[in-house]
């Protein structure tokens, strides 16, 4: 389980400076971008939304395990990719059910 004082950082993995700083902390990092090496990526994008791909197992605040999966996300307007991926990361960590997808208006 995640304990009080534990830190999880959600970072745009295109930000090399941030990645270098975080590497030295030993803390959990959730990388978000369009790279295959990231925890959170997009596997599909279309007019009304996207399909977010969780590429690695995540552990939520309550200790639940989320296995790699795809989550449909309905997007009401043009939202930057990192914002969608970061928001989905937070929702997952907070145990917000994902099986039916998320709506971001």
C-alpha atoms as a PDB file:
ATOM      1  CA  UNK A   1       0.000   0.000   0.000  1.00  0.00           C
ATOM      2  CA  UNK A   2       1.030   3.581  -0.565  1.00  0.00           C
ATOM      3  CA  UNK A   3       1.878   5.227   2.754  1.00  0.00           C
ATOM      4  CA  UNK A   4       1.554   8.839   3.903  1.00  0.00           C
ATOM      5  CA  UNK A   5       4.741  10.561   2.851  1.00  0.00           C
ATOM      6  CA  UNK A   6       5.125   8.432  -0.267  1.00  0.00           C
ATOM      7  CA  UNK A   7       5.534  10.517  -3.379  1.00  0.00           C
ATOM      8  CA  UNK A   8       4.349   9.617  -6.838  1.00  0.00           C
ATOM      9  CA  UNK A   9       5.352  12.016  -9.582  1.00  0.00           C
ATOM     10  CA  UNK A  10       3.488  12.234 -12.866  1.00  0.00           C
ATOM     11  CA  UNK A  11       5.814  13.646 -15.491  1.00  0.00           C
ATOM     12  CA  UNK A  12       5.873  14.373 -19.206  1.00  0.00           C
ATOM     13  CA  UNK A  13       8.660  12.020 -20.212  1.00  0.00           C
ATOM     14  CA  UNK A  14       9.693  14.431 -22.956  1.00  0.00           C
ATOM     15  CA  UNK A  15      11.013  16.659 -20.145  1.00  0.00           C
ATOM     16  CA  UNK A  16      14.533  15.222 -19.883  1.00  0.00           C
ATOM     17  CA  UNK A  17      15.619  17.671 -17.163  1.00  0.00           C
ATOM     18  CA  UNK A  18      12.751  16.603 -14.899  1.00  0.00           C
ATOM     19  CA  UNK A  19      13.465  12.930 -15.557  1.00  0.00           C
ATOM     20  CA  UNK A  20      17.121  13.361 -14.594  1.00  0.00           C
ATOM     21  CA  UNK A  21      16.177  15.089 -11.333  1.00  0.00           C
ATOM     22  CA  UNK A  22      13.567  12.467 -10.493  1.00  0.00           C
ATOM     23  CA  UNK A  23      15.920   9.577 -11.232  1.00  0.00           C
ATOM     24  CA  UNK A  24      18.013  10.591  -8.209  1.00  0.00           C
ATOM     25  CA  UNK A  25      15.065  10.620  -5.778  1.00  0.00           C
ATOM     26  CA  UNK A  26      14.225   6.923  -5.861  1.00  0.00           C
ATOM     27  CA  UNK A  27      10.532   7.845  -5.854  1.00  0.00           C
ATOM     28  CA  UNK A  28       7.831   6.376  -8.076  1.00  0.00           C
ATOM     29  CA  UNK A  29       7.476   8.142 -11.424  1.00  0.00           C
ATOM     30  CA  UNK A  30       4.594   7.716 -13.845  1.00  0.00           C
ATOM     31  CA  UNK A  31       5.848   8.718 -17.278  1.00  0.00           C
ATOM     32  CA  UNK A  32       3.270  10.119 -19.685  1.00  0.00           C
ATOM     33  CA  UNK A  33       3.778  10.753 -23.400  1.00  0.00           C
ATOM     34  CA  UNK A  34       3.517   8.973 -26.718  1.00  0.00           C
ATOM     35  CA  UNK A  35       6.613   6.814 -26.119  1.00  0.00           C
ATOM     36  CA  UNK A  36       6.572   3.029 -25.734  1.00  0.00           C
ATOM     37  CA  UNK A  37       8.692   3.388 -22.580  1.00  0.00           C
ATOM     38  CA  UNK A  38       5.983   5.318 -20.704  1.00  0.00           C
ATOM     39  CA  UNK A  39       3.484   4.027 -18.170  1.00  0.00           C
ATOM     40  CA  UNK A  40       0.650   6.042 -19.742  1.00  0.00           C
ATOM     41  CA  UNK A  41       0.289   6.584 -23.497  1.00  0.00           C
ATOM     42  CA  UNK A  42      -2.421   7.022 -26.112  1.00  0.00           C
ATOM     43  CA  UNK A  43      -3.123   4.019 -28.281  1.00  0.00           C
ATOM     44  CA  UNK A  44      -5.810   5.729 -30.343  1.00  0.00           C
ATOM     45  CA  UNK A  45      -7.054   9.258 -30.947  1.00  0.00           C
ATOM     46  CA  UNK A  46     -10.257  10.373 -32.675  1.00  0.00           C
ATOM     47  CA  UNK A  47     -12.595  13.387 -32.859  1.00  0.00           C
ATOM     48  CA  UNK A  48     -14.563  12.692 -29.695  1.00  0.00           C
ATOM     49  CA  UNK A  49     -11.790  11.270 -27.544  1.00  0.00           C
ATOM     50  CA  UNK A  50      -9.025   8.755 -27.259  1.00  0.00           C
ATOM     51  CA  UNK A  51      -7.980   5.409 -25.889  1.00  0.00           C
ATOM     52  CA  UNK A  52      -5.478   5.723 -23.024  1.00  0.00           C
ATOM     53  CA  UNK A  53      -3.117   2.800 -22.661  1.00  0.00           C
ATOM     54  CA  UNK A  54      -1.867   1.826 -19.199  1.00  0.00           C
ATOM     55  CA  UNK A  55       1.341  -0.032 -20.098  1.00  0.00           C
ATOM     56  CA  UNK A  56       2.503  -1.063 -16.613  1.00  0.00           C
ATOM     57  CA  UNK A  57       0.840  -2.303 -13.450  1.00  0.00           C
ATOM     58  CA  UNK A  58      -0.198   0.529 -11.111  1.00  0.00           C
ATOM     59  CA  UNK A  59      -0.995   0.364  -7.404  1.00  0.00           C
ATOM     60  CA  UNK A  60      -3.721   2.717  -6.194  1.00  0.00           C
ATOM     61  CA  UNK A  61      -3.781   4.655  -2.915  1.00  0.00           C
ATOM     62  CA  UNK A  62      -5.945   1.882  -1.435  1.00  0.00           C
ATOM     63  CA  UNK A  63      -3.531  -0.833  -2.544  1.00  0.00           C
ATOM     64  CA  UNK A  64      -5.602  -2.100  -5.471  1.00  0.00           C
ATOM     65  CA  UNK A  65      -3.691  -3.364  -8.497  1.00  0.00           C
ATOM     66  CA  UNK A  66      -4.510  -2.047 -11.954  1.00  0.00           C
ATOM     67  CA  UNK A  67      -3.148  -4.294 -14.660  1.00  0.00           C
ATOM     68  CA  UNK A  68      -2.158  -2.950 -18.081  1.00  0.00           C
ATOM     69  CA  UNK A  69      -5.315  -2.016 -19.972  1.00  0.00           C
ATOM     70  CA  UNK A  70      -6.907   0.505 -22.314  1.00  0.00           C
ATOM     71  CA  UNK A  71      -9.351   3.134 -21.080  1.00  0.00           C
ATOM     72  CA  UNK A  72     -11.737   5.017 -23.371  1.00  0.00           C
ATOM     73  CA  UNK A  73     -11.732   8.748 -22.674  1.00  0.00           C
ATOM     74  CA  UNK A  74     -14.321  11.124 -24.089  1.00  0.00           C
ATOM     75  CA  UNK A  75     -12.842  14.584 -24.605  1.00  0.00           C
ATOM     76  CA  UNK A  76     -15.200  17.527 -25.133  1.00  0.00           C
ATOM     77  CA  UNK A  77     -12.590  19.890 -26.557  1.00  0.00           C
ATOM     78  CA  UNK A  78      -8.952  19.936 -27.595  1.00  0.00           C
ATOM     79  CA  UNK A  79      -7.053  18.976 -24.447  1.00  0.00           C
ATOM     80  CA  UNK A  80      -3.270  18.458 -24.591  1.00  0.00           C
ATOM     81  CA  UNK A  81      -2.188  14.815 -24.565  1.00  0.00           C
ATOM     82  CA  UNK A  82      -0.156  15.196 -21.370  1.00  0.00           C
ATOM     83  CA  UNK A  83      -3.168  16.702 -19.567  1.00  0.00           C
ATOM     84  CA  UNK A  84      -5.340  13.720 -20.533  1.00  0.00           C
ATOM     85  CA  UNK A  85      -2.680  11.194 -19.500  1.00  0.00           C
ATOM     86  CA  UNK A  86      -1.906  12.975 -16.219  1.00  0.00           C
ATOM     87  CA  UNK A  87      -5.607  13.291 -15.342  1.00  0.00           C
ATOM     88  CA  UNK A  88      -6.167   9.589 -16.035  1.00  0.00           C
ATOM     89  CA  UNK A  89      -3.150   8.745 -13.859  1.00  0.00           C
ATOM     90  CA  UNK A  90      -4.585  10.706 -10.932  1.00  0.00           C
ATOM     91  CA  UNK A  91      -8.053   9.192 -11.376  1.00  0.00           C
ATOM     92  CA  UNK A  92      -6.579   5.686 -11.399  1.00  0.00           C
ATOM     93  CA  UNK A  93      -4.401   6.323  -8.335  1.00  0.00           C
ATOM     94  CA  UNK A  94      -7.487   7.618  -6.494  1.00  0.00           C
ATOM     95  CA  UNK A  95      -9.442   4.423  -7.259  1.00  0.00           C
ATOM     96  CA  UNK A  96     -11.954   6.131  -9.557  1.00  0.00           C
ATOM     97  CA  UNK A  97     -13.531   3.257 -11.548  1.00  0.00           C
ATOM     98  CA  UNK A  98     -12.187   3.129 -15.090  1.00  0.00           C
ATOM     99  CA  UNK A  99     -13.954   0.152 -16.638  1.00  0.00           C
ATOM    100  CA  UNK A 100     -16.492   2.340 -18.457  1.00  0.00           C
ATOM    101  CA  UNK A 101     -13.982   5.057 -19.282  1.00  0.00           C
ATOM    102  CA  UNK A 102     -13.704   8.706 -18.303  1.00  0.00           C
ATOM    103  CA  UNK A 103     -15.330  11.888 -19.584  1.00  0.00           C
ATOM    104  CA  UNK A 104     -13.283  15.095 -19.726  1.00  0.00           C
ATOM    105  CA  UNK A 105     -15.334  18.118 -20.766  1.00  0.00           C
END
